[in-house]
Amino acid sequence: MRKSFLMTLALVLVASAAYASDAPAAGAAVGPTAAWATAIGMAIAAGLCGLGQGMGLKAACEGTARNPEAGGKLTVTLILGLAFIESLAIYALVVNLILLFVKPLGA
């Protein structure tokens, strides 16, 4: 809960800095602030999602080692959890692509 809150907060803060920037110069596809904001936002999102996936895999391996009979249930739960975590990274990518390509068109 705390990590997803921190990731959302970081993404919102970085995105707001890009939207507060001046309009890009005529002919420029992406303003430099928007480009840096998307790079930093995706780096934070990918790093925290990778950390969450690693922690989930670690817990599933420990659970299987302690109780091998529950391995099947743990595998299903692990794959479902990893899919949810990966969807957070995809959502961050979509927000960053919107920040890159929609914001300059509206300027």
N, C-alpha and C. Protein backbone atom coordinates (compact mmCIF):
# COMPACT_ATOMS: atom_id res chain seq x y z
N MET A 1 0.83 -1.18 0.00
CA MET A 1 0.00 0.00 0.00
C MET A 1 0.88 1.25 0.00
N ARG A 2 1.88 1.25 0.84
CA ARG A 2 2.74 2.42 0.97
C ARG A 2 3.55 2.66 -0.31
N LYS A 3 4.04 1.55 -0.92
CA LYS A 3 4.85 1.70 -2.13
C LYS A 3 4.02 2.17 -3.30
N SER A 4 2.79 1.68 -3.43
CA SER A 4 1.95 2.14 -4.53
C SER A 4 1.57 3.60 -4.33
N PHE A 5 1.37 4.01 -3.09
CA PHE A 5 1.09 5.42 -2.81
C PHE A 5 2.28 6.29 -3.18
N LEU A 6 3.50 5.85 -2.83
CA LEU A 6 4.69 6.62 -3.16
C LEU A 6 4.90 6.70 -4.67
N MET A 7 4.63 5.61 -5.38
CA MET A 7 4.78 5.61 -6.83
C MET A 7 3.77 6.56 -7.47
N THR A 8 2.54 6.54 -7.01
CA THR A 8 1.52 7.44 -7.54
C THR A 8 1.86 8.89 -7.24
N LEU A 9 2.33 9.15 -6.04
CA LEU A 9 2.71 10.51 -5.65
C LEU A 9 3.87 11.01 -6.51
N ALA A 10 4.87 10.18 -6.73
CA ALA A 10 6.02 10.58 -7.55
C ALA A 10 5.59 10.86 -8.98
N LEU A 11 4.72 10.03 -9.52
CA LEU A 11 4.26 10.22 -10.89
C LEU A 11 3.46 11.51 -11.02
N VAL A 12 2.62 11.80 -10.04
CA VAL A 12 1.83 13.02 -10.08
C VAL A 12 2.71 14.26 -9.95
N LEU A 13 3.69 14.21 -9.08
CA LEU A 13 4.58 15.36 -8.90
C LEU A 13 5.42 15.63 -10.14
N VAL A 14 5.93 14.59 -10.76
CA VAL A 14 6.74 14.77 -11.95
C VAL A 14 5.88 15.25 -13.12
N ALA A 15 4.68 14.72 -13.24
CA ALA A 15 3.81 15.14 -14.33
C ALA A 15 3.39 16.60 -14.17
N SER A 16 3.12 17.03 -12.95
CA SER A 16 2.69 18.41 -12.75
C SER A 16 3.81 19.38 -13.08
N ALA A 17 5.05 19.00 -12.87
CA ALA A 17 6.16 19.88 -13.25
C ALA A 17 6.23 20.05 -14.76
N ALA A 18 5.93 19.00 -15.50
CA ALA A 18 5.96 19.10 -16.96
C ALA A 18 4.80 19.95 -17.48
N TYR A 19 3.64 19.83 -16.88
CA TYR A 19 2.51 20.62 -17.33
C TYR A 19 2.67 22.10 -16.95
N ALA A 20 3.43 22.39 -15.94
CA ALA A 20 3.64 23.77 -15.52
C ALA A 20 4.71 24.46 -16.35
N SER A 21 5.40 23.72 -17.19
CA SER A 21 6.48 24.31 -17.98
C SER A 21 5.91 25.20 -19.07
N ASP A 22 6.79 26.01 -19.65
CA ASP A 22 6.39 26.86 -20.76
C ASP A 22 6.07 26.01 -21.97
N ALA A 23 5.35 26.59 -22.89
CA ALA A 23 5.01 25.88 -24.12
C ALA A 23 6.29 25.61 -24.90
N PRO A 24 6.38 24.49 -25.59
CA PRO A 24 7.57 24.21 -26.37
C PRO A 24 7.70 25.18 -27.53
N ALA A 25 8.91 25.35 -27.99
CA ALA A 25 9.16 26.27 -29.09
C ALA A 25 8.47 25.76 -30.35
N ALA A 26 8.21 26.68 -31.28
CA ALA A 26 7.53 26.29 -32.52
C ALA A 26 8.40 25.29 -33.28
N GLY A 27 7.80 24.22 -33.70
CA GLY A 27 8.53 23.20 -34.43
C GLY A 27 9.14 22.13 -33.54
N ALA A 28 9.21 22.37 -32.23
CA ALA A 28 9.76 21.37 -31.32
C ALA A 28 8.65 20.37 -31.00
N ALA A 29 8.96 19.10 -31.09
CA ALA A 29 7.95 18.07 -30.87
C ALA A 29 7.61 17.94 -29.39
N VAL A 30 8.62 17.94 -28.54
CA VAL A 30 8.42 17.74 -27.11
C VAL A 30 9.27 18.75 -26.37
N GLY A 31 8.68 19.41 -25.37
CA GLY A 31 9.46 20.33 -24.56
C GLY A 31 10.46 19.57 -23.71
N PRO A 32 11.58 20.21 -23.37
CA PRO A 32 12.59 19.50 -22.59
C PRO A 32 12.11 19.10 -21.20
N THR A 33 11.25 19.90 -20.59
CA THR A 33 10.75 19.54 -19.27
C THR A 33 9.85 18.32 -19.34
N ALA A 34 9.03 18.24 -20.38
CA ALA A 34 8.15 17.09 -20.53
C ALA A 34 8.96 15.83 -20.79
N ALA A 35 10.03 15.95 -21.57
CA ALA A 35 10.86 14.78 -21.85
C ALA A 35 11.55 14.28 -20.58
N TRP A 36 12.08 15.20 -19.79
CA TRP A 36 12.72 14.79 -18.52
C TRP A 36 11.70 14.22 -17.55
N ALA A 37 10.52 14.82 -17.49
CA ALA A 37 9.49 14.34 -16.57
C ALA A 37 9.05 12.92 -16.91
N THR A 38 8.90 12.64 -18.20
CA THR A 38 8.49 11.29 -18.58
C THR A 38 9.60 10.28 -18.32
N ALA A 39 10.84 10.69 -18.55
CA ALA A 39 11.96 9.77 -18.29
C ALA A 39 12.06 9.44 -16.80
N ILE A 40 11.97 10.44 -15.96
CA ILE A 40 12.07 10.23 -14.52
C ILE A 40 10.85 9.44 -14.02
N GLY A 41 9.65 9.79 -14.52
CA GLY A 41 8.44 9.09 -14.10
C GLY A 41 8.46 7.62 -14.46
N MET A 42 8.92 7.30 -15.66
CA MET A 42 8.97 5.89 -16.05
C MET A 42 10.06 5.15 -15.31
N ALA A 43 11.17 5.81 -15.02
CA ALA A 43 12.24 5.17 -14.25
C ALA A 43 11.76 4.82 -12.85
N ILE A 44 11.05 5.73 -12.22
CA ILE A 44 10.52 5.47 -10.88
C ILE A 44 9.50 4.33 -10.92
N ALA A 45 8.60 4.39 -11.89
CA ALA A 45 7.56 3.36 -11.98
C ALA A 45 8.15 1.98 -12.27
N ALA A 46 9.10 1.92 -13.21
CA ALA A 46 9.70 0.63 -13.55
C ALA A 46 10.52 0.08 -12.38
N GLY A 47 11.24 0.95 -11.70
CA GLY A 47 12.04 0.50 -10.56
C GLY A 47 11.18 -0.05 -9.43
N LEU A 48 10.12 0.66 -9.08
CA LEU A 48 9.26 0.21 -7.99
C LEU A 48 8.46 -1.03 -8.38
N CYS A 49 8.04 -1.12 -9.64
CA CYS A 49 7.33 -2.34 -10.07
C CYS A 49 8.28 -3.53 -10.07
N GLY A 50 9.52 -3.33 -10.49
CA GLY A 50 10.50 -4.41 -10.43
C GLY A 50 10.77 -4.86 -9.00
N LEU A 51 10.84 -3.90 -8.11
CA LEU A 51 11.03 -4.22 -6.69
C LEU A 51 9.84 -5.02 -6.15
N GLY A 52 8.64 -4.61 -6.51
CA GLY A 52 7.45 -5.34 -6.07
C GLY A 52 7.38 -6.74 -6.63
N GLN A 53 7.76 -6.91 -7.89
CA GLN A 53 7.77 -8.25 -8.48
C GLN A 53 8.81 -9.13 -7.82
N GLY A 54 9.96 -8.57 -7.52
CA GLY A 54 10.99 -9.36 -6.85
C GLY A 54 10.57 -9.80 -5.46
N MET A 55 9.92 -8.90 -4.74
CA MET A 55 9.45 -9.26 -3.40
C MET A 55 8.36 -10.33 -3.46
N GLY A 56 7.48 -10.23 -4.46
CA GLY A 56 6.43 -11.24 -4.62
C GLY A 56 7.00 -12.61 -4.96
N LEU A 57 7.98 -12.63 -5.85
CA LEU A 57 8.61 -13.89 -6.23
C LEU A 57 9.36 -14.49 -5.04
N LYS A 58 10.01 -13.65 -4.27
CA LYS A 58 10.73 -14.12 -3.07
C LYS A 58 9.76 -14.77 -2.07
N ALA A 59 8.63 -14.12 -1.85
CA ALA A 59 7.65 -14.66 -0.91
C ALA A 59 7.05 -15.97 -1.41
N ALA A 60 6.81 -16.07 -2.73
CA ALA A 60 6.26 -17.31 -3.28
C ALA A 60 7.28 -18.45 -3.17
N CYS A 61 8.54 -18.16 -3.41
CA CYS A 61 9.58 -19.19 -3.28
C CYS A 61 9.71 -19.66 -1.83
N GLU A 62 9.66 -18.72 -0.90
CA GLU A 62 9.73 -19.09 0.52
C GLU A 62 8.51 -19.91 0.93
N GLY A 63 7.34 -19.53 0.42
CA GLY A 63 6.13 -20.28 0.76
C GLY A 63 6.16 -21.70 0.20
N THR A 64 6.67 -21.85 -1.01
CA THR A 64 6.78 -23.18 -1.60
C THR A 64 7.81 -24.02 -0.86
N ALA A 65 8.89 -23.40 -0.42
CA ALA A 65 9.91 -24.13 0.32
C ALA A 65 9.40 -24.61 1.67
N ARG A 66 8.54 -23.81 2.30
CA ARG A 66 8.01 -24.19 3.61
C ARG A 66 6.88 -25.20 3.51
N ASN A 67 6.09 -25.10 2.44
CA ASN A 67 4.95 -26.00 2.28
C ASN A 67 4.84 -26.41 0.81
N PRO A 68 5.55 -27.44 0.40
CA PRO A 68 5.55 -27.83 -1.02
C PRO A 68 4.18 -28.22 -1.57
N GLU A 69 3.28 -28.70 -0.72
CA GLU A 69 1.96 -29.09 -1.19
C GLU A 69 1.14 -27.90 -1.68
N ALA A 70 1.44 -26.72 -1.19
CA ALA A 70 0.69 -25.51 -1.57
C ALA A 70 1.31 -24.82 -2.79
N GLY A 71 2.24 -25.47 -3.45
CA GLY A 71 2.93 -24.86 -4.58
C GLY A 71 2.01 -24.46 -5.72
N GLY A 72 1.01 -25.27 -6.02
CA GLY A 72 0.08 -24.95 -7.11
C GLY A 72 -0.73 -23.70 -6.84
N LYS A 73 -1.27 -23.60 -5.63
CA LYS A 73 -2.05 -22.41 -5.27
C LYS A 73 -1.16 -21.17 -5.24
N LEU A 74 0.06 -21.32 -4.75
CA LEU A 74 0.98 -20.18 -4.70
C LEU A 74 1.36 -19.72 -6.11
N THR A 75 1.51 -20.66 -7.03
CA THR A 75 1.88 -20.30 -8.40
C THR A 75 0.78 -19.48 -9.06
N VAL A 76 -0.47 -19.91 -8.89
CA VAL A 76 -1.59 -19.17 -9.47
C VAL A 76 -1.67 -17.77 -8.88
N THR A 77 -1.55 -17.68 -7.58
CA THR A 77 -1.60 -16.38 -6.91
C THR A 77 -0.43 -15.51 -7.32
N LEU A 78 0.75 -16.10 -7.47
CA LEU A 78 1.93 -15.35 -7.88
C LEU A 78 1.75 -14.78 -9.27
N ILE A 79 1.29 -15.58 -10.21
CA ILE A 79 1.12 -15.09 -11.58
C ILE A 79 0.07 -13.98 -11.64
N LEU A 80 -0.99 -14.12 -10.90
CA LEU A 80 -2.02 -13.08 -10.85
C LEU A 80 -1.46 -11.79 -10.25
N GLY A 81 -0.71 -11.91 -9.16
CA GLY A 81 -0.10 -10.74 -8.54
C GLY A 81 0.91 -10.05 -9.43
N LEU A 82 1.73 -10.84 -10.13
CA LEU A 82 2.71 -10.26 -11.05
C LEU A 82 2.03 -9.53 -12.20
N ALA A 83 0.89 -10.06 -12.66
CA ALA A 83 0.15 -9.38 -13.72
C ALA A 83 -0.39 -8.04 -13.23
N PHE A 84 -0.88 -7.99 -12.00
CA PHE A 84 -1.37 -6.72 -11.45
C PHE A 84 -0.24 -5.71 -11.29
N ILE A 85 0.90 -6.17 -10.84
CA ILE A 85 2.04 -5.26 -10.67
C ILE A 85 2.51 -4.75 -12.02
N GLU A 86 2.55 -5.63 -13.01
CA GLU A 86 2.98 -5.22 -14.35
C GLU A 86 2.00 -4.23 -14.95
N SER A 87 0.72 -4.36 -14.61
CA SER A 87 -0.26 -3.40 -15.14
C SER A 87 0.00 -1.99 -14.60
N LEU A 88 0.56 -1.88 -13.40
CA LEU A 88 0.91 -0.55 -12.88
C LEU A 88 2.00 0.09 -13.73
N ALA A 89 2.97 -0.70 -14.17
CA ALA A 89 4.01 -0.16 -15.04
C ALA A 89 3.44 0.25 -16.39
N ILE A 90 2.47 -0.52 -16.89
CA ILE A 90 1.84 -0.16 -18.17
C ILE A 90 1.03 1.11 -18.03
N TYR A 91 0.32 1.28 -16.90
CA TYR A 91 -0.42 2.51 -16.67
C TYR A 91 0.53 3.71 -16.61
N ALA A 92 1.68 3.54 -15.97
CA ALA A 92 2.66 4.63 -15.92
C ALA A 92 3.17 4.95 -17.32
N LEU A 93 3.39 3.92 -18.14
CA LEU A 93 3.82 4.15 -19.51
C LEU A 93 2.77 4.92 -20.30
N VAL A 94 1.51 4.59 -20.12
CA VAL A 94 0.44 5.29 -20.82
C VAL A 94 0.39 6.75 -20.40
N VAL A 95 0.51 7.01 -19.10
CA VAL A 95 0.52 8.40 -18.61
C VAL A 95 1.71 9.15 -19.19
N ASN A 96 2.86 8.51 -19.25
CA ASN A 96 4.05 9.17 -19.79
C ASN A 96 3.92 9.42 -21.29
N LEU A 97 3.32 8.51 -22.02
CA LEU A 97 3.11 8.73 -23.45
C LEU A 97 2.11 9.85 -23.69
N ILE A 98 1.09 9.92 -22.85
CA ILE A 98 0.14 11.04 -22.94
C ILE A 98 0.86 12.35 -22.66
N LEU A 99 1.71 12.35 -21.67
CA LEU A 99 2.46 13.56 -21.33
C LEU A 99 3.37 13.98 -22.48
N LEU A 100 3.96 13.02 -23.17
CA LEU A 100 4.86 13.33 -24.28
C LEU A 100 4.13 13.82 -25.51
N PHE A 101 3.05 13.16 -25.89
CA PHE A 101 2.45 13.42 -27.19
C PHE A 101 1.20 14.27 -27.17
N VAL A 102 0.45 14.30 -26.11
CA VAL A 102 -0.78 15.08 -26.09
C VAL A 102 -0.52 16.50 -25.62
N LYS A 103 0.32 16.67 -24.65
CA LYS A 103 0.56 18.00 -24.09
C LYS A 103 1.11 18.98 -25.12
N PRO A 104 2.10 18.63 -25.95
CA PRO A 104 2.56 19.60 -26.94
C PRO A 104 1.51 19.94 -27.98
N LEU A 105 0.58 18.99 -28.29
CA LEU A 105 -0.47 19.29 -29.26
C LEU A 105 -1.47 20.28 -28.70
N GLY A 106 -1.67 20.26 -27.38
CA GLY A 106 -2.60 21.18 -26.77
C GLY A 106 -2.00 22.56 -26.50
N ALA A 107 -0.69 22.67 -26.64
CA ALA A 107 -0.02 23.96 -26.35
C ALA A 107 -0.21 24.94 -27.48
